[in-house]
């Protein structure tokens, strides 16, 4: 890194690059980033990534909660050299950022998770592989080299499949398992419902399953289902075509086989377990030595119980507003959870993060790091790997400059005293 620091170097690259005719791959402004991405994606793809539950009030309150917090700078402090790095589970990271797990990235760009994995590795930012990925975790891990990666787990109704997915995550170098708890049922997502579009029915976003030996055996054992099918329609034929193309193997073999349709039906039957309880967690603890984090924790009592039960970390998340309309904002939930666990484990924050100042505020309230979600998916849609890389550079630069301008030379100097409640 240049002596300018992350933030000033990024500014110089942009301004000086413009003089030489270089064009930025993505807009810097979050609103313009989203708008540009919407023009690159199909209506179904944009609805799936940008949409939320119900009236989308939770998406709004996530932002409102950040907006109510005001940074109070301190002056006449030497911030000429700044250290934005953090340590999580024994690994030093360039900043308090990870890439949140986002499923079905093939809807944003043809290179999907692979492009994101390469961009994340290039910047040293951990990517949390999605359980609903478009590319198997092994291929993504191979493309990352030694780059940091974690794995998100949706707890299936098949414990054998859970064990297989976790074993694969360990084998391909994932450093932690993030169990997502807020999606045991699919939220009432109005944009998707109005378009009557669920990507999984077209074989999208199930690559972790179709590449898994346990899942493939379950498909082999499954009944093919009713042989009496409704009269074909154009919409039905289009969905079948997409499903056949998405499934591993040759198109001609898949079109003659019921296997792709059986795999989708099997996925829908087992992908998530609404009956999951605290009593199930020891099963996972007994099968992996990796740190286990619970994602979707918003109540301090749940946080306290998780830590008492031996969980290694928490992700305060409302799934980006995609699950419950009118849910508590994550940054509003954060202080009580920090107090409840008394910093015994790392606490990450997800949902609503749109810039470096948001990350600063979360760290000030006790978060160890934040997860970037929709913005990197928008960068992917606009410019593939380069778009994701530039989004990450912008977040890191914004955080570095915000930290310095607030009078903090390192993460350790950011505290609740750096904030005040706004109007």
Protein backbone atom coordinates (compact mmCIF):
# COMPACT_ATOMS: atom_id res chain seq x y z
CA UNK A 1 0.00 0.00 0.00
CA UNK A 2 1.20 3.51 -0.82
CA UNK A 3 2.26 5.88 1.96
CA UNK A 4 -0.95 7.76 1.16
CA UNK A 5 -2.96 5.10 2.95
CA UNK A 6 -5.91 3.12 1.60
CA UNK A 7 -8.32 6.04 1.35
CA UNK A 8 -6.07 8.67 -0.17
CA UNK A 9 -4.61 6.16 -2.60
CA UNK A 10 -8.08 5.24 -3.80
CA UNK A 11 -8.96 8.91 -4.27
CA UNK A 12 -5.74 9.47 -6.22
CA UNK A 13 -6.42 6.46 -8.42
CA UNK A 14 -9.87 7.78 -9.31
CA UNK A 15 -8.95 11.42 -9.87
CA UNK A 16 -5.66 10.82 -11.69
CA UNK A 17 -7.16 7.94 -13.63
CA UNK A 18 -9.78 10.28 -15.02
CA UNK A 19 -7.05 12.56 -16.39
CA UNK A 20 -5.61 9.65 -18.35
CA UNK A 21 -8.99 8.60 -19.67
CA UNK A 22 -9.54 5.63 -17.36
CA UNK A 23 -13.18 4.82 -16.65
CA UNK A 24 -14.46 3.59 -13.32
CA UNK A 25 -16.18 0.23 -13.50
CA UNK A 26 -18.92 1.12 -11.00
CA UNK A 27 -20.46 4.28 -9.49
CA UNK A 28 -19.17 5.23 -6.05
CA UNK A 29 -22.51 6.53 -4.75
CA UNK A 30 -24.61 3.63 -3.33
CA UNK A 31 -27.87 4.83 -4.85
CA UNK A 32 -26.31 5.22 -8.30
CA UNK A 33 -24.64 1.83 -7.89
CA UNK A 34 -28.02 0.19 -7.31
CA UNK A 35 -29.60 2.10 -10.19
CA UNK A 36 -26.84 1.08 -12.59
CA UNK A 37 -27.14 -2.55 -11.53
CA UNK A 38 -30.89 -2.53 -12.08
CA UNK A 39 -30.27 -1.68 -15.74
CA UNK A 40 -27.93 -4.66 -16.16
CA UNK A 41 -30.15 -7.30 -14.56
CA UNK A 42 -33.41 -8.87 -15.62
CA UNK A 43 -36.49 -7.74 -13.66
CA UNK A 44 -36.53 -11.13 -11.91
CA UNK A 45 -32.87 -10.91 -10.94
CA UNK A 46 -33.09 -7.37 -9.61
CA UNK A 47 -36.26 -8.16 -7.66
CA UNK A 48 -34.61 -11.18 -6.07
CA UNK A 49 -31.48 -9.29 -4.96
CA UNK A 50 -32.92 -5.86 -4.14
CA UNK A 51 -36.29 -6.87 -2.73
CA UNK A 52 -37.41 -7.35 0.84
CA UNK A 53 -40.28 -8.79 2.81
CA UNK A 54 -43.77 -7.28 2.78
CA UNK A 55 -43.78 -3.49 2.49
CA UNK A 56 -39.97 -3.55 2.75
CA UNK A 57 -40.09 -1.54 5.96
CA UNK A 58 -37.15 -3.48 7.38
CA UNK A 59 -34.93 -2.40 4.49
CA UNK A 60 -35.90 1.20 5.25
CA UNK A 61 -35.39 1.00 9.02
CA UNK A 62 -31.96 -0.57 8.57
CA UNK A 63 -30.89 2.61 6.82
CA UNK A 64 -32.85 4.93 9.14
CA UNK A 65 -31.10 3.44 12.16
CA UNK A 66 -27.67 4.15 10.71
CA UNK A 67 -28.78 7.65 9.75
CA UNK A 68 -29.83 8.42 13.33
CA UNK A 69 -26.29 7.84 14.55
CA UNK A 70 -23.89 10.76 14.22
CA UNK A 71 -20.10 10.58 14.28
CA UNK A 72 -18.42 13.03 16.67
CA UNK A 73 -14.85 13.69 15.43
CA UNK A 74 -11.92 14.43 17.70
CA UNK A 75 -9.26 16.84 16.44
CA UNK A 76 -5.53 17.50 16.83
CA UNK A 77 -4.70 13.81 16.93
CA UNK A 78 -1.97 12.32 14.78
CA UNK A 79 -3.80 10.22 12.18
CA UNK A 80 -1.12 10.45 9.50
CA UNK A 81 -0.71 6.69 9.70
CA UNK A 82 -3.82 4.59 10.14
CA UNK A 83 -4.27 0.90 10.79
CA UNK A 84 -7.67 -0.33 9.61
CA UNK A 85 -6.90 -4.01 10.13
CA UNK A 86 -8.79 -6.37 12.42
CA UNK A 87 -8.16 -9.90 13.61
CA UNK A 88 -10.86 -12.58 13.42
CA UNK A 89 -10.25 -16.15 14.52
CA UNK A 90 -6.48 -15.78 14.28
CA UNK A 91 -6.35 -14.12 10.86
CA UNK A 92 -5.45 -10.48 10.27
CA UNK A 93 -7.76 -8.78 7.76
CA UNK A 94 -7.23 -5.45 5.96
CA UNK A 95 -10.42 -3.96 7.35
CA UNK A 96 -13.59 -4.82 9.29
CA UNK A 97 -15.35 -6.28 6.26
CA UNK A 98 -16.53 -9.65 5.01
CA UNK A 99 -18.68 -10.49 2.01
CA UNK A 100 -22.09 -11.71 3.13
CA UNK A 101 -23.43 -14.93 1.62
CA UNK A 102 -25.72 -14.11 -1.30
CA UNK A 103 -27.38 -16.91 -3.21
CA UNK A 104 -28.08 -17.32 -6.92
CA UNK A 105 -25.37 -14.89 -8.04
CA UNK A 106 -25.69 -16.27 -11.56
CA UNK A 107 -28.71 -14.00 -11.81
CA UNK A 108 -26.35 -11.03 -11.52
CA UNK A 109 -23.47 -12.23 -13.72
CA UNK A 110 -22.53 -15.36 -15.65
CA UNK A 111 -19.33 -15.87 -13.60
CA UNK A 112 -21.35 -15.63 -10.38
CA UNK A 113 -19.54 -16.78 -7.23
CA UNK A 114 -16.25 -17.34 -9.07
CA UNK A 115 -15.92 -13.65 -9.93
CA UNK A 116 -16.72 -12.68 -6.35
CA UNK A 117 -14.24 -15.21 -4.95
CA UNK A 118 -11.40 -13.87 -7.10
CA UNK A 119 -12.18 -10.27 -6.20
CA UNK A 120 -12.38 -11.05 -2.49
CA UNK A 121 -9.09 -12.95 -2.55
CA UNK A 122 -7.39 -10.08 -4.40
CA UNK A 123 -8.34 -7.67 -1.60
CA UNK A 124 -7.84 -10.11 1.30
CA UNK A 125 -11.49 -9.83 2.31
CA UNK A 126 -13.17 -13.05 3.50
CA UNK A 127 -15.97 -14.35 1.31
CA UNK A 128 -18.70 -16.34 3.03
CA UNK A 129 -19.67 -18.99 0.51
CA UNK A 130 -23.43 -19.16 0.18
CA UNK A 131 -25.25 -22.41 0.81
CA UNK A 132 -27.36 -21.36 -2.21
CA UNK A 133 -24.39 -20.71 -4.47
CA UNK A 134 -24.33 -20.97 -8.23
CA UNK A 135 -20.83 -22.51 -8.17
CA UNK A 136 -19.65 -25.33 -5.87
CA UNK A 137 -17.50 -24.22 -2.94
CA UNK A 138 -14.53 -26.28 -4.13
CA UNK A 139 -14.25 -24.38 -7.42
CA UNK A 140 -14.49 -21.05 -5.61
CA UNK A 141 -11.87 -22.09 -3.05
CA UNK A 142 -9.50 -23.19 -5.80
CA UNK A 143 -9.82 -19.78 -7.48
CA UNK A 144 -9.00 -17.97 -4.21
CA UNK A 145 -5.62 -19.52 -3.45
CA UNK A 146 -4.89 -18.67 0.17
CA UNK A 147 -7.61 -16.02 0.30
CA UNK A 148 -9.84 -16.24 3.40
CA UNK A 149 -13.25 -17.90 3.09
CA UNK A 150 -16.04 -19.07 5.37
CA UNK A 151 -19.11 -21.19 4.67
CA UNK A 152 -22.77 -20.37 5.31
CA UNK A 153 -24.91 -23.33 6.33
CA UNK A 154 -28.65 -23.67 5.93
CA UNK A 155 -29.50 -26.53 8.25
CA UNK A 156 -31.18 -29.16 6.10
CA UNK A 157 -33.78 -31.66 7.25
CA UNK A 158 -31.08 -34.24 6.45
CA UNK A 159 -28.38 -34.26 9.13
CA UNK A 160 -26.32 -36.44 6.82
CA UNK A 161 -26.34 -33.64 4.26
CA UNK A 162 -25.43 -31.10 6.94
CA UNK A 163 -22.45 -33.23 7.91
CA UNK A 164 -21.39 -33.60 4.28
CA UNK A 165 -21.57 -29.85 3.55
CA UNK A 166 -19.58 -28.99 6.67
CA UNK A 167 -16.97 -31.63 5.85
CA UNK A 168 -16.58 -30.20 2.36
CA UNK A 169 -16.21 -26.70 3.80
CA UNK A 170 -13.41 -27.86 6.05
CA UNK A 171 -11.71 -29.72 3.21
CA UNK A 172 -11.66 -26.68 0.92
CA UNK A 173 -10.15 -24.36 3.51
CA UNK A 174 -13.10 -22.53 5.00
CA UNK A 175 -12.14 -20.96 8.32
CA UNK A 176 -15.60 -20.80 9.94
CA UNK A 177 -19.17 -22.05 9.64
CA UNK A 178 -21.96 -19.47 9.69
CA UNK A 179 -25.32 -21.06 10.51
CA UNK A 180 -28.14 -18.92 9.14
CA UNK A 181 -31.14 -19.14 11.50
CA UNK A 182 -33.53 -16.55 10.11
CA UNK A 183 -34.54 -18.44 6.97
CA UNK A 184 -36.03 -21.68 8.25
CA UNK A 185 -39.07 -20.43 6.30
CA UNK A 186 -39.04 -18.23 3.22
CA UNK A 187 -40.22 -14.67 3.95
CA UNK A 188 -43.18 -13.03 2.19
CA UNK A 189 -41.15 -11.41 -0.59
CA UNK A 190 -43.59 -9.32 -2.54
CA UNK A 191 -41.42 -8.49 -5.55
CA UNK A 192 -40.68 -12.17 -6.19
CA UNK A 193 -44.33 -13.12 -5.64
CA UNK A 194 -45.60 -10.49 -8.07
CA UNK A 195 -43.28 -11.91 -10.72
CA UNK A 196 -44.12 -15.49 -9.61
CA UNK A 197 -40.41 -16.22 -9.82
CA UNK A 198 -38.38 -18.53 -7.57
CA UNK A 199 -34.94 -19.24 -9.07
CA UNK A 200 -34.50 -22.61 -7.38
CA UNK A 201 -37.38 -24.04 -9.44
CA UNK A 202 -35.21 -23.38 -12.49
CA UNK A 203 -32.20 -25.13 -11.00
CA UNK A 204 -30.43 -21.89 -10.07
CA UNK A 205 -28.61 -21.48 -6.78
CA UNK A 206 -28.42 -25.18 -5.89
CA UNK A 207 -24.84 -25.94 -6.95
CA UNK A 208 -23.74 -26.86 -3.41
CA UNK A 209 -26.43 -29.55 -3.49
CA UNK A 210 -26.00 -30.99 -6.97
CA UNK A 211 -22.24 -31.26 -6.31
CA UNK A 212 -22.74 -33.05 -2.99
CA UNK A 213 -22.46 -36.86 -2.84
CA UNK A 214 -25.10 -37.21 -0.12
CA UNK A 215 -27.60 -35.05 -1.97
CA UNK A 216 -26.98 -36.88 -5.24
CA UNK A 217 -27.62 -40.19 -3.49
CA UNK A 218 -30.85 -38.80 -2.05
CA UNK A 219 -31.88 -37.80 -5.57
CA UNK A 220 -31.11 -41.31 -6.82
CA UNK A 221 -33.28 -42.78 -4.09
CA UNK A 222 -36.15 -40.35 -4.56
CA UNK A 223 -39.36 -41.27 -6.30
CA UNK A 224 -39.57 -39.55 -9.67
CA UNK A 225 -42.99 -38.24 -8.73
CA UNK A 226 -46.23 -38.15 -10.70
CA UNK A 227 -45.94 -39.16 -14.32
CA UNK A 228 -49.06 -37.22 -15.32
CA UNK A 229 -47.79 -33.77 -16.08
CA UNK A 230 -49.89 -30.73 -17.06
CA UNK A 231 -50.10 -29.64 -20.66
CA UNK A 232 -46.87 -27.82 -21.55
CA UNK A 233 -46.96 -24.03 -21.72
CA UNK A 234 -44.37 -21.55 -23.00
CA UNK A 235 -43.56 -20.53 -19.42
CA UNK A 236 -43.25 -24.16 -18.38
CA UNK A 237 -41.02 -25.03 -21.32
CA UNK A 238 -38.82 -22.00 -20.59
CA UNK A 239 -38.44 -23.07 -16.95
CA UNK A 240 -37.61 -26.63 -18.04
CA UNK A 241 -35.01 -25.34 -20.48
CA UNK A 242 -33.35 -23.26 -17.76
CA UNK A 243 -33.42 -26.15 -15.32
CA UNK A 244 -31.91 -28.53 -17.86
CA UNK A 245 -29.11 -26.10 -18.67
CA UNK A 246 -28.37 -25.40 -15.01
CA UNK A 247 -28.08 -29.04 -13.94
CA UNK A 248 -24.61 -30.65 -14.13
CA UNK A 249 -24.01 -32.82 -17.17
CA UNK A 250 -24.85 -32.54 -20.83
CA UNK A 251 -27.98 -30.74 -21.96
CA UNK A 252 -29.11 -33.64 -24.15
CA UNK A 253 -28.73 -36.18 -21.33
CA UNK A 254 -30.57 -33.91 -18.89
CA UNK A 255 -33.46 -33.19 -21.22
CA UNK A 256 -34.12 -36.94 -21.52
CA UNK A 257 -33.81 -37.56 -17.79
CA UNK A 258 -36.16 -36.78 -14.89
CA UNK A 259 -33.11 -36.26 -12.67
CA UNK A 260 -32.95 -32.43 -12.86
CA UNK A 261 -36.63 -32.13 -11.91
CA UNK A 262 -36.20 -34.71 -9.15
CA UNK A 263 -33.20 -32.79 -7.78
CA UNK A 264 -35.18 -29.53 -7.57
CA UNK A 265 -38.06 -31.26 -5.84
CA UNK A 266 -35.64 -32.94 -3.42
CA UNK A 267 -33.97 -29.61 -2.68
CA UNK A 268 -37.29 -27.94 -1.91
CA UNK A 269 -38.17 -30.78 0.48
CA UNK A 270 -34.97 -30.75 2.52
CA UNK A 271 -33.15 -27.41 2.18
CA UNK A 272 -34.29 -25.92 5.50
CA UNK A 273 -35.51 -27.18 8.86
CA UNK A 274 -38.23 -25.13 10.60
CA UNK A 275 -38.06 -27.51 13.57
CA UNK A 276 -34.45 -26.54 14.37
CA UNK A 277 -33.85 -25.86 18.09
CA UNK A 278 -31.00 -25.20 20.51
CA UNK A 279 -30.82 -28.92 21.14
CA UNK A 280 -29.62 -29.48 17.58
CA UNK A 281 -26.47 -27.34 17.90
CA UNK A 282 -24.33 -30.00 19.66
CA UNK A 283 -24.68 -32.16 16.53
CA UNK A 284 -22.73 -29.56 14.56
CA UNK A 285 -20.23 -28.88 17.33
CA UNK A 286 -19.37 -32.59 17.44
CA UNK A 287 -18.68 -32.67 13.70
CA UNK A 288 -16.40 -29.72 13.16
CA UNK A 289 -13.47 -28.05 14.86
CA UNK A 290 -14.10 -24.84 12.95
CA UNK A 291 -15.49 -21.78 14.73
CA UNK A 292 -19.31 -21.73 14.57
CA UNK A 293 -21.20 -18.44 14.27
CA UNK A 294 -24.97 -18.02 14.45
CA UNK A 295 -26.39 -15.56 11.92
CA UNK A 296 -29.76 -13.90 12.48
CA UNK A 297 -29.46 -13.25 16.22
CA UNK A 298 -31.36 -10.10 17.25
CA UNK A 299 -32.44 -10.74 20.86
CA UNK A 300 -29.93 -10.42 23.74
CA UNK A 301 -31.28 -13.54 25.46
CA UNK A 302 -30.62 -15.58 22.33
CA UNK A 303 -27.13 -14.11 22.15
CA UNK A 304 -26.43 -15.00 25.78
CA UNK A 305 -27.74 -18.53 25.33
CA UNK A 306 -25.63 -19.03 22.21
CA UNK A 307 -22.43 -18.03 23.99
CA UNK A 308 -23.30 -20.14 27.03
CA UNK A 309 -23.76 -23.03 24.61
CA UNK A 310 -20.25 -22.70 23.22
CA UNK A 311 -20.91 -20.78 20.00
CA UNK A 312 -17.81 -18.94 18.76
CA UNK A 313 -19.41 -15.84 17.28
CA UNK A 314 -22.64 -14.06 16.34
CA UNK A 315 -23.89 -12.23 13.28
CA UNK A 316 -26.51 -9.63 14.13
CA UNK A 317 -28.65 -9.77 10.99
CA UNK A 318 -32.20 -9.46 9.72
CA UNK A 319 -31.26 -10.98 6.35
CA UNK A 320 -31.16 -7.58 4.71
CA UNK A 321 -34.86 -7.04 5.39
CA UNK A 322 -35.83 -10.06 3.30
CA UNK A 323 -37.56 -12.15 5.95
CA UNK A 324 -39.81 -10.15 8.31
CA UNK A 325 -41.47 -6.86 7.43
CA UNK A 326 -41.13 -4.32 10.26
CA UNK A 327 -38.26 -6.15 11.98
CA UNK A 328 -35.83 -4.39 14.31
CA UNK A 329 -32.88 -2.71 12.58
CA UNK A 330 -29.64 -4.57 13.16
CA UNK A 331 -27.69 -1.54 14.37
CA UNK A 332 -30.49 -0.89 16.89
CA UNK A 333 -30.23 -4.48 18.13
CA UNK A 334 -26.43 -4.43 18.33
CA UNK A 335 -25.77 -2.59 21.66
CA UNK A 336 -27.95 -4.90 23.75
CA UNK A 337 -26.31 -7.97 22.24
CA UNK A 338 -22.82 -6.58 22.86
CA UNK A 339 -23.77 -5.98 26.48
CA UNK A 340 -25.35 -9.42 26.84
CA UNK A 341 -22.27 -11.34 25.71
CA UNK A 342 -19.73 -8.94 27.27
CA UNK A 343 -17.37 -9.27 24.27
CA UNK A 344 -16.76 -12.96 24.97
CA UNK A 345 -17.03 -13.72 21.25
CA UNK A 346 -16.75 -11.66 18.05
CA UNK A 347 -19.98 -9.97 17.00
CA UNK A 348 -20.48 -9.15 13.34
CA UNK A 349 -23.21 -6.94 11.92
CA UNK A 350 -25.11 -7.50 8.69
CA UNK A 351 -27.93 -5.71 6.84
CA UNK A 352 -28.09 -2.10 5.69
CA UNK A 353 -24.34 -1.45 5.44
CA UNK A 354 -23.76 0.89 2.51
CA UNK A 355 -20.42 2.55 3.21
CA UNK A 356 -17.36 2.93 5.39
CA UNK A 357 -19.11 5.32 7.77
CA UNK A 358 -21.70 2.62 8.51
CA UNK A 359 -18.88 0.24 9.38
CA UNK A 360 -17.33 2.87 11.65
CA UNK A 361 -20.63 3.28 13.50
CA UNK A 362 -21.04 -0.48 13.92
CA UNK A 363 -17.51 -0.85 15.26
CA UNK A 364 -18.13 2.03 17.66
CA UNK A 365 -21.12 0.12 19.04
CA UNK A 366 -19.09 -3.03 19.60
CA UNK A 367 -19.08 -4.94 16.32
CA UNK A 368 -15.85 -6.67 15.32
CA UNK A 369 -16.69 -6.36 11.62
CA UNK A 370 -19.57 -5.91 9.20
CA UNK A 371 -20.86 -7.89 6.24
CA UNK A 372 -21.23 -6.24 2.83
CA UNK A 373 -24.21 -7.61 0.92
CA UNK A 374 -26.18 -6.04 -1.92
CA UNK A 375 -23.50 -3.48 -2.94
CA UNK A 376 -21.04 -6.16 -4.06
CA UNK A 377 -23.81 -8.00 -5.90
CA UNK A 378 -24.56 -4.76 -7.73
CA UNK A 379 -20.87 -4.38 -8.59
CA UNK A 380 -20.90 -7.94 -9.91
CA UNK A 381 -23.91 -7.22 -12.11
CA UNK A 382 -22.31 -4.13 -13.60
CA UNK A 383 -18.73 -5.25 -14.19
CA UNK A 384 -18.15 -8.78 -12.94
CA UNK A 385 -14.99 -9.42 -10.94
CA UNK A 386 -13.68 -5.90 -11.51
CA UNK A 387 -16.95 -4.43 -10.26
CA UNK A 388 -16.78 -6.42 -7.02
CA UNK A 389 -13.14 -5.49 -6.52
CA UNK A 390 -13.89 -1.80 -6.98
CA UNK A 391 -16.80 -1.93 -4.53
CA UNK A 392 -14.50 -3.49 -1.95
CA UNK A 393 -11.82 -0.85 -2.57
CA UNK A 394 -14.40 1.88 -2.10
CA UNK A 395 -15.61 0.44 1.21
CA UNK A 396 -12.05 0.06 2.52
CA UNK A 397 -11.12 3.59 1.41
CA UNK A 398 -14.24 5.16 2.87
CA UNK A 399 -13.65 3.43 6.19
CA UNK A 400 -10.00 4.49 6.30
CA UNK A 401 -10.82 8.15 5.64
CA UNK A 402 -13.78 8.18 8.04
CA UNK A 403 -11.62 6.71 10.78
CA UNK A 404 -8.87 9.26 10.24
CA UNK A 405 -11.20 12.24 9.99
CA UNK A 406 -12.89 11.11 13.21
CA UNK A 407 -9.52 11.25 14.96
CA UNK A 408 -8.89 7.51 15.19
CA UNK A 409 -5.59 6.00 14.07
CA UNK A 410 -6.67 2.41 14.66
CA UNK A 411 -9.73 0.24 15.20
CA UNK A 412 -9.00 0.16 18.93
CA UNK A 413 -9.56 3.90 19.18
CA UNK A 414 -13.12 3.69 17.88
CA UNK A 415 -15.63 3.59 20.74
CA UNK A 416 -19.15 4.59 21.72
CA UNK A 417 -17.74 8.03 22.55
CA UNK A 418 -17.24 8.49 18.80
CA UNK A 419 -21.01 8.62 18.31
CA UNK A 420 -23.98 10.76 19.30
CA UNK A 421 -27.67 10.27 18.69
CA UNK A 422 -29.00 12.37 15.84
CA UNK A 423 -32.48 13.57 14.94
